[in-house]
Amino acid sequence: MLVFRTRPTPSISDFFEIFDELFEMPMSKSSCDCTSRKCPIHDVIESDNEFTIELVLAGIKKEDTSIDVDGQKLSIKAERKENKDLKYNRKETYFGKYERSFILPDFVDKENISASFEDGILTVIVPKILDDKKIGKKKIEIK
């Protein structure tokens, strides 16, 4: 009998993690304590003027969601509460706390971050600072 040993095939998320570590791409890194909380899936979209973060929070109410900025860390927390009066024949959805954090780059306008919640999608808009003077960037003239 022949036995072939195989290594697990890396997933696309493994590739992006390695890519992010190699190139240290801003807003591509997120941190998540998945041992104690469920981590919602998300997309980060970059345009010339802003980053858009979209998190899937199906079944969660806006009132049970919070967004905080502490230094360079943007944290999004939510909780899906279970209705104890229901009798489930099958339960595949997660009830409990969700959390996802992002490290913000220096060139974002933390004062003007906005958010909206529609159809189970939380959308967070993080505008970029386009004026180099505001982020302390300066062109040095060579003499």
Protein backbone atom coordinates (compact mmCIF):
# COMPACT_ATOMS: atom_id res chain seq x y z
CA MET A 1 0.00 0.00 0.00
CA LEU A 2 1.34 3.38 -1.01
CA VAL A 3 0.82 6.34 1.26
CA PHE A 4 1.36 9.84 -0.04
CA ARG A 5 1.94 12.59 2.44
CA THR A 6 0.64 15.92 1.36
CA ARG A 7 0.85 19.34 2.85
CA PRO A 8 -2.32 21.40 3.07
CA THR A 9 -2.76 23.63 0.07
CA PRO A 10 -2.26 27.26 1.09
CA SER A 11 -5.39 29.34 0.78
CA ILE A 12 -5.61 32.67 -1.00
CA SER A 13 -5.79 34.40 2.41
CA ASP A 14 -2.42 32.81 3.30
CA PHE A 15 -0.98 34.35 0.14
CA PHE A 16 -2.33 37.82 1.00
CA GLU A 17 -0.98 37.56 4.56
CA ILE A 18 2.50 36.79 3.26
CA PHE A 19 2.20 39.53 0.63
CA ASP A 20 1.08 42.07 3.24
CA GLU A 21 3.95 41.17 5.57
CA LEU A 22 6.45 41.44 2.74
CA PHE A 23 5.29 44.83 1.45
CA GLU A 24 3.70 46.25 4.64
CA MET A 25 0.68 47.54 2.75
CA PRO A 26 -1.35 50.14 4.72
CA MET A 27 -4.91 49.18 5.70
CA SER A 28 -4.32 45.63 4.56
CA LYS A 29 -3.42 44.49 8.04
CA SER A 30 -6.15 43.74 10.48
CA SER A 31 -6.01 42.10 13.83
CA CYS A 32 -8.58 39.81 15.25
CA ASP A 33 -8.74 37.86 18.48
CA CYS A 34 -10.53 34.86 17.03
CA THR A 35 -10.00 32.74 20.13
CA SER A 36 -12.61 34.55 22.21
CA ARG A 37 -14.71 36.32 19.56
CA LYS A 38 -15.98 35.59 16.10
CA CYS A 39 -14.32 37.68 13.39
CA PRO A 40 -16.63 39.11 10.73
CA ILE A 41 -15.52 38.84 7.13
CA HIS A 42 -14.60 42.12 5.52
CA ASP A 43 -13.34 43.90 2.42
CA VAL A 44 -11.05 46.93 2.31
CA ILE A 45 -11.38 49.01 -0.85
CA GLU A 46 -8.94 51.81 -1.63
CA SER A 47 -9.58 54.77 -3.90
CA ASP A 48 -7.58 57.94 -4.45
CA ASN A 49 -9.46 59.76 -1.67
CA GLU A 50 -10.41 57.12 0.90
CA PHE A 51 -10.47 53.59 2.22
CA THR A 52 -13.84 51.84 2.44
CA ILE A 53 -14.17 48.98 4.91
CA GLU A 54 -17.20 46.73 4.47
CA LEU A 55 -18.01 44.18 7.17
CA VAL A 56 -20.70 41.52 6.90
CA LEU A 57 -22.74 41.68 10.10
CA ALA A 58 -25.88 39.76 9.18
CA GLY A 59 -28.51 39.68 11.90
CA ILE A 60 -26.81 42.36 14.00
CA LYS A 61 -28.57 45.59 14.90
CA LYS A 62 -26.95 49.00 14.48
CA GLU A 63 -27.46 49.62 18.22
CA ASP A 64 -25.34 46.55 19.02
CA THR A 65 -22.38 47.84 17.00
CA SER A 66 -19.60 50.26 17.98
CA ILE A 67 -16.61 51.79 16.23
CA ASP A 68 -13.66 53.33 18.10
CA VAL A 69 -10.35 54.89 17.10
CA ASP A 70 -7.49 54.73 19.60
CA GLY A 71 -4.27 56.11 18.18
CA GLN A 72 -3.68 54.26 14.91
CA LYS A 73 -6.11 51.43 15.75
CA LEU A 74 -9.68 51.36 14.41
CA SER A 75 -11.80 48.80 16.28
CA ILE A 76 -15.23 47.56 15.28
CA LYS A 77 -17.24 45.56 17.80
CA ALA A 78 -20.69 44.03 17.47
CA GLU A 79 -22.88 41.51 19.21
CA ARG A 80 -25.57 39.27 17.83
CA LYS A 81 -27.98 38.39 20.60
CA GLU A 82 -29.75 35.06 20.63
CA ASN A 83 -33.50 34.84 21.13
CA LYS A 84 -33.73 32.27 23.93
CA ASP A 85 -37.45 31.75 23.25
CA LEU A 86 -36.78 30.05 19.90
CA LYS A 87 -36.36 26.30 19.54
CA TYR A 88 -33.79 25.50 16.88
CA ASN A 89 -33.91 22.29 14.84
CA ARG A 90 -30.60 23.28 13.31
CA LYS A 91 -28.36 26.22 14.17
CA GLU A 92 -25.41 27.22 11.98
CA THR A 93 -25.31 30.92 12.69
CA TYR A 94 -23.08 32.45 15.32
CA PHE A 95 -24.47 34.34 18.29
CA GLY A 96 -22.16 36.37 20.46
CA LYS A 97 -19.50 39.04 20.16
CA TYR A 98 -17.73 40.00 16.96
CA GLU A 99 -14.60 42.12 16.77
CA ARG A 100 -12.24 43.32 14.05
CA SER A 101 -9.41 45.87 14.32
CA PHE A 102 -7.41 47.69 11.66
CA ILE A 103 -4.13 49.59 11.88
CA LEU A 104 -4.62 52.95 10.21
CA PRO A 105 -1.84 54.50 8.12
CA ASP A 106 -0.54 57.96 9.04
CA PHE A 107 -2.21 59.64 6.07
CA VAL A 108 -5.86 59.16 7.06
CA ASP A 109 -8.21 61.81 8.45
CA LYS A 110 -9.33 60.18 11.72
CA GLU A 111 -11.57 63.15 12.56
CA ASN A 112 -13.81 62.54 9.53
CA ILE A 113 -14.31 58.77 9.60
CA SER A 114 -17.97 57.95 8.91
CA ALA A 115 -20.08 54.80 8.99
CA SER A 116 -23.41 53.50 7.74
CA PHE A 117 -25.29 50.23 8.25
CA GLU A 118 -27.58 48.79 5.59
CA ASP A 119 -28.78 45.27 4.74
CA GLY A 120 -26.40 43.64 7.22
CA ILE A 121 -23.34 45.43 5.81
CA LEU A 122 -21.45 47.93 7.95
CA THR A 123 -19.60 50.41 5.71
CA VAL A 124 -16.86 52.54 7.26
CA ILE A 125 -15.36 55.36 5.19
CA VAL A 126 -11.83 56.40 6.18
CA PRO A 127 -10.83 59.51 4.21
CA LYS A 128 -7.21 60.08 3.24
CA ILE A 129 -5.36 63.31 4.00
CA LEU A 130 -4.40 64.61 0.60
CA ASP A 131 -2.56 67.71 1.85
CA ASP A 132 1.07 66.77 2.55
CA LYS A 133 1.36 69.60 5.10
CA LYS A 134 -1.27 68.00 7.33
CA ILE A 135 0.57 64.69 7.58
CA GLY A 136 3.96 66.24 8.14
CA LYS A 137 5.31 65.37 4.73
CA LYS A 138 7.78 67.80 3.26
CA LYS A 139 9.71 67.96 0.02
CA ILE A 140 13.39 68.73 0.60
CA GLU A 141 15.08 70.91 -1.96
CA ILE A 142 18.53 69.72 -2.93
CA LYS A 143 21.03 72.57 -3.14
